[in-house]
Amino acid sequence: MEFWLTTALCTAQAHVAGGRNGRGRTSDGRLDLDLRQPKP
């Protein structure tokens, strides 16, 4: 099944600080999360 998005639903910028053990957040605040290294 193919799906083509023809209209942007939202636009935002993302900023990540701290690398693999950091934090990521979008400019609109809809996504805000901690980043961690995967467990082996």
PDB file of N, CA and C in Angstrom:
ATOM      1  N   MET A   1       0.840  -1.169   0.000  1.00  0.00           N
ATOM      2  CA  MET A   1       0.000   0.000   0.000  1.00  0.00           C
ATOM      3  C   MET A   1       0.892   1.241   0.000  1.00  0.00           C
ATOM      4  N   GLU A   2       0.606   2.154  -0.893  1.00  0.00           N
ATOM      5  CA  GLU A   2       1.344   3.406  -0.940  1.00  0.00           C
ATOM      6  C   GLU A   2       0.478   4.525  -0.404  1.00  0.00           C
ATOM      7  N   PHE A   3       1.129   5.472   0.244  1.00  0.00           N
ATOM      8  CA  PHE A   3       0.427   6.613   0.793  1.00  0.00           C
ATOM      9  C   PHE A   3       1.226   7.855   0.439  1.00  0.00           C
ATOM     10  N   TRP A   4       0.594   8.806  -0.182  1.00  0.00           N
ATOM     11  CA  TRP A   4       1.263  10.046  -0.570  1.00  0.00           C
ATOM     12  C   TRP A   4       0.654  11.206   0.197  1.00  0.00           C
ATOM     13  N   LEU A   5       1.474  11.915   0.946  1.00  0.00           N
ATOM     14  CA  LEU A   5       1.022  13.086   1.674  1.00  0.00           C
ATOM     15  C   LEU A   5       1.147  14.291   0.746  1.00  0.00           C
ATOM     16  N   THR A   6       0.047  14.898   0.429  1.00  0.00           N
ATOM     17  CA  THR A   6       0.065  16.025  -0.507  1.00  0.00           C
ATOM     18  C   THR A   6      -0.037  17.366   0.195  1.00  0.00           C
ATOM     19  N   THR A   7      -0.443  17.354   1.459  1.00  0.00           N
ATOM     20  CA  THR A   7      -0.561  18.591   2.218  1.00  0.00           C
ATOM     21  C   THR A   7       0.157  18.421   3.551  1.00  0.00           C
ATOM     22  N   ALA A   8       0.983  19.398   3.892  1.00  0.00           N
ATOM     23  CA  ALA A   8       1.676  19.342   5.179  1.00  0.00           C
ATOM     24  C   ALA A   8       0.678  19.490   6.307  1.00  0.00           C
ATOM     25  N   LEU A   9       0.733  18.585   7.268  1.00  0.00           N
ATOM     26  CA  LEU A   9      -0.182  18.646   8.403  1.00  0.00           C
ATOM     27  C   LEU A   9       0.305  19.641   9.448  1.00  0.00           C
ATOM     28  N   CYS A  10       1.613  19.744   9.585  1.00  0.00           N
ATOM     29  CA  CYS A  10       2.199  20.724  10.488  1.00  0.00           C
ATOM     30  C   CYS A  10       3.666  20.893  10.110  1.00  0.00           C
ATOM     31  N   THR A  11       4.246  21.976  10.524  1.00  0.00           N
ATOM     32  CA  THR A  11       5.677  22.196  10.311  1.00  0.00           C
ATOM     33  C   THR A  11       6.289  22.609  11.640  1.00  0.00           C
ATOM     34  N   ALA A  12       7.482  22.144  11.893  1.00  0.00           N
ATOM     35  CA  ALA A  12       8.175  22.474  13.133  1.00  0.00           C
ATOM     36  C   ALA A  12       9.658  22.241  12.930  1.00  0.00           C
ATOM     37  N   GLN A  13      10.434  22.792  13.802  1.00  0.00           N
ATOM     38  CA  GLN A  13      11.869  22.541  13.822  1.00  0.00           C
ATOM     39  C   GLN A  13      12.177  21.755  15.086  1.00  0.00           C
ATOM     40  N   ALA A  14      13.233  20.958  15.034  1.00  0.00           N
ATOM     41  CA  ALA A  14      13.615  20.172  16.209  1.00  0.00           C
ATOM     42  C   ALA A  14      15.015  20.564  16.650  1.00  0.00           C
ATOM     43  N   HIS A  15      15.230  20.540  17.944  1.00  0.00           N
ATOM     44  CA  HIS A  15      16.539  20.836  18.516  1.00  0.00           C
ATOM     45  C   HIS A  15      16.903  19.686  19.447  1.00  0.00           C
ATOM     46  N   VAL A  16      18.117  19.172  19.279  1.00  0.00           N
ATOM     47  CA  VAL A  16      18.599  18.080  20.121  1.00  0.00           C
ATOM     48  C   VAL A  16      19.883  18.543  20.790  1.00  0.00           C
ATOM     49  N   ALA A  17      19.983  18.332  22.091  1.00  0.00           N
ATOM     50  CA  ALA A  17      21.179  18.689  22.842  1.00  0.00           C
ATOM     51  C   ALA A  17      21.635  17.479  23.656  1.00  0.00           C
ATOM     52  N   GLY A  18      22.926  17.280  23.750  1.00  0.00           N
ATOM     53  CA  GLY A  18      23.461  16.227  24.593  1.00  0.00           C
ATOM     54  C   GLY A  18      23.728  14.904  23.903  1.00  0.00           C
ATOM     55  N   GLY A  19      23.508  14.820  22.610  1.00  0.00           N
ATOM     56  CA  GLY A  19      23.809  13.594  21.875  1.00  0.00           C
ATOM     57  C   GLY A  19      22.949  12.424  22.312  1.00  0.00           C
ATOM     58  N   ARG A  20      23.574  11.245  22.485  1.00  0.00           N
ATOM     59  CA  ARG A  20      22.821  10.027  22.808  1.00  0.00           C
ATOM     60  C   ARG A  20      22.223  10.030  24.202  1.00  0.00           C
ATOM     61  N   ASN A  21      22.753  10.829  25.083  1.00  0.00           N
ATOM     62  CA  ASN A  21      22.197  10.937  26.437  1.00  0.00           C
ATOM     63  C   ASN A  21      21.712  12.368  26.637  1.00  0.00           C
ATOM     64  N   GLY A  22      20.858  12.805  25.757  1.00  0.00           N
ATOM     65  CA  GLY A  22      20.414  14.192  25.791  1.00  0.00           C
ATOM     66  C   GLY A  22      18.912  14.336  25.777  1.00  0.00           C
ATOM     67  N   ARG A  23      18.466  15.412  25.139  1.00  0.00           N
ATOM     68  CA  ARG A  23      17.048  15.738  25.086  1.00  0.00           C
ATOM     69  C   ARG A  23      16.723  16.303  23.715  1.00  0.00           C
ATOM     70  N   GLY A  24      15.550  15.939  23.209  1.00  0.00           N
ATOM     71  CA  GLY A  24      15.083  16.448  21.927  1.00  0.00           C
ATOM     72  C   GLY A  24      13.730  17.117  22.099  1.00  0.00           C
ATOM     73  N   ARG A  25      13.525  18.238  21.393  1.00  0.00           N
ATOM     74  CA  ARG A  25      12.264  18.964  21.510  1.00  0.00           C
ATOM     75  C   ARG A  25      11.971  19.689  20.210  1.00  0.00           C
ATOM     76  N   THR A  26      10.715  19.679  19.793  1.00  0.00           N
ATOM     77  CA  THR A  26      10.317  20.424  18.604  1.00  0.00           C
ATOM     78  C   THR A  26       9.915  21.840  19.005  1.00  0.00           C
ATOM     79  N   SER A  27       9.973  22.736  18.015  1.00  0.00           N
ATOM     80  CA  SER A  27       9.682  24.146  18.280  1.00  0.00           C
ATOM     81  C   SER A  27       8.242  24.379  18.717  1.00  0.00           C
ATOM     82  N   ASP A  28       7.329  23.517  18.300  1.00  0.00           N
ATOM     83  CA  ASP A  28       5.934  23.685  18.700  1.00  0.00           C
ATOM     84  C   ASP A  28       5.605  22.963  20.003  1.00  0.00           C
ATOM     85  N   GLY A  29       6.572  22.229  20.574  1.00  0.00           N
ATOM     86  CA  GLY A  29       6.389  21.557  21.849  1.00  0.00           C
ATOM     87  C   GLY A  29       5.582  20.266  21.792  1.00  0.00           C
ATOM     88  N   ARG A  30       5.204  19.828  20.613  1.00  0.00           N
ATOM     89  CA  ARG A  30       4.392  18.611  20.512  1.00  0.00           C
ATOM     90  C   ARG A  30       5.218  17.358  20.770  1.00  0.00           C
ATOM     91  N   LEU A  31       6.525  17.447  20.595  1.00  0.00           N
ATOM     92  CA  LEU A  31       7.408  16.316  20.853  1.00  0.00           C
ATOM     93  C   LEU A  31       8.516  16.796  21.773  1.00  0.00           C
ATOM     94  N   ASP A  32       8.655  16.150  22.922  1.00  0.00           N
ATOM     95  CA  ASP A  32       9.663  16.506  23.913  1.00  0.00           C
ATOM     96  C   ASP A  32      10.083  15.206  24.588  1.00  0.00           C
ATOM     97  N   LEU A  33      11.327  14.780  24.381  1.00  0.00           N
ATOM     98  CA  LEU A  33      11.722  13.475  24.883  1.00  0.00           C
ATOM     99  C   LEU A  33      13.174  13.419  25.301  1.00  0.00           C
ATOM    100  N   ASP A  34      13.462  12.457  26.177  1.00  0.00           N
ATOM    101  CA  ASP A  34      14.829  12.171  26.599  1.00  0.00           C
ATOM    102  C   ASP A  34      15.427  11.163  25.632  1.00  0.00           C
ATOM    103  N   LEU A  35      16.709  11.316  25.346  1.00  0.00           N
ATOM    104  CA  LEU A  35      17.419  10.389  24.462  1.00  0.00           C
ATOM    105  C   LEU A  35      18.410   9.586  25.314  1.00  0.00           C
ATOM    106  N   ARG A  36      18.452   8.280  25.059  1.00  0.00           N
ATOM    107  CA  ARG A  36      19.370   7.409  25.794  1.00  0.00           C
ATOM    108  C   ARG A  36      19.985   6.401  24.851  1.00  0.00           C
ATOM    109  N   GLN A  37      21.169   5.918  25.213  1.00  0.00           N
ATOM    110  CA  GLN A  37      21.813   4.875  24.432  1.00  0.00           C
ATOM    111  C   GLN A  37      21.017   3.599  24.554  1.00  0.00           C
ATOM    112  N   PRO A  38      20.937   2.822  23.458  1.00  0.00           N
ATOM    113  CA  PRO A  38      20.235   1.537  23.538  1.00  0.00           C
ATOM    114  C   PRO A  38      20.983   0.569  24.453  1.00  0.00           C
ATOM    115  N   LYS A  39      20.230  -0.271  25.139  1.00  0.00           N
ATOM    116  CA  LYS A  39      20.845  -1.293  25.987  1.00  0.00           C
ATOM    117  C   LYS A  39      21.357  -2.417  25.108  1.00  0.00           C
ATOM    118  N   PRO A  40      22.532  -2.965  25.454  1.00  0.00           N
ATOM    119  CA  PRO A  40      23.097  -4.064  24.636  1.00  0.00           C
ATOM    120  C   PRO A  40      22.287  -5.339  24.728  1.00  0.00           C
TER     121      PRO A  40
END
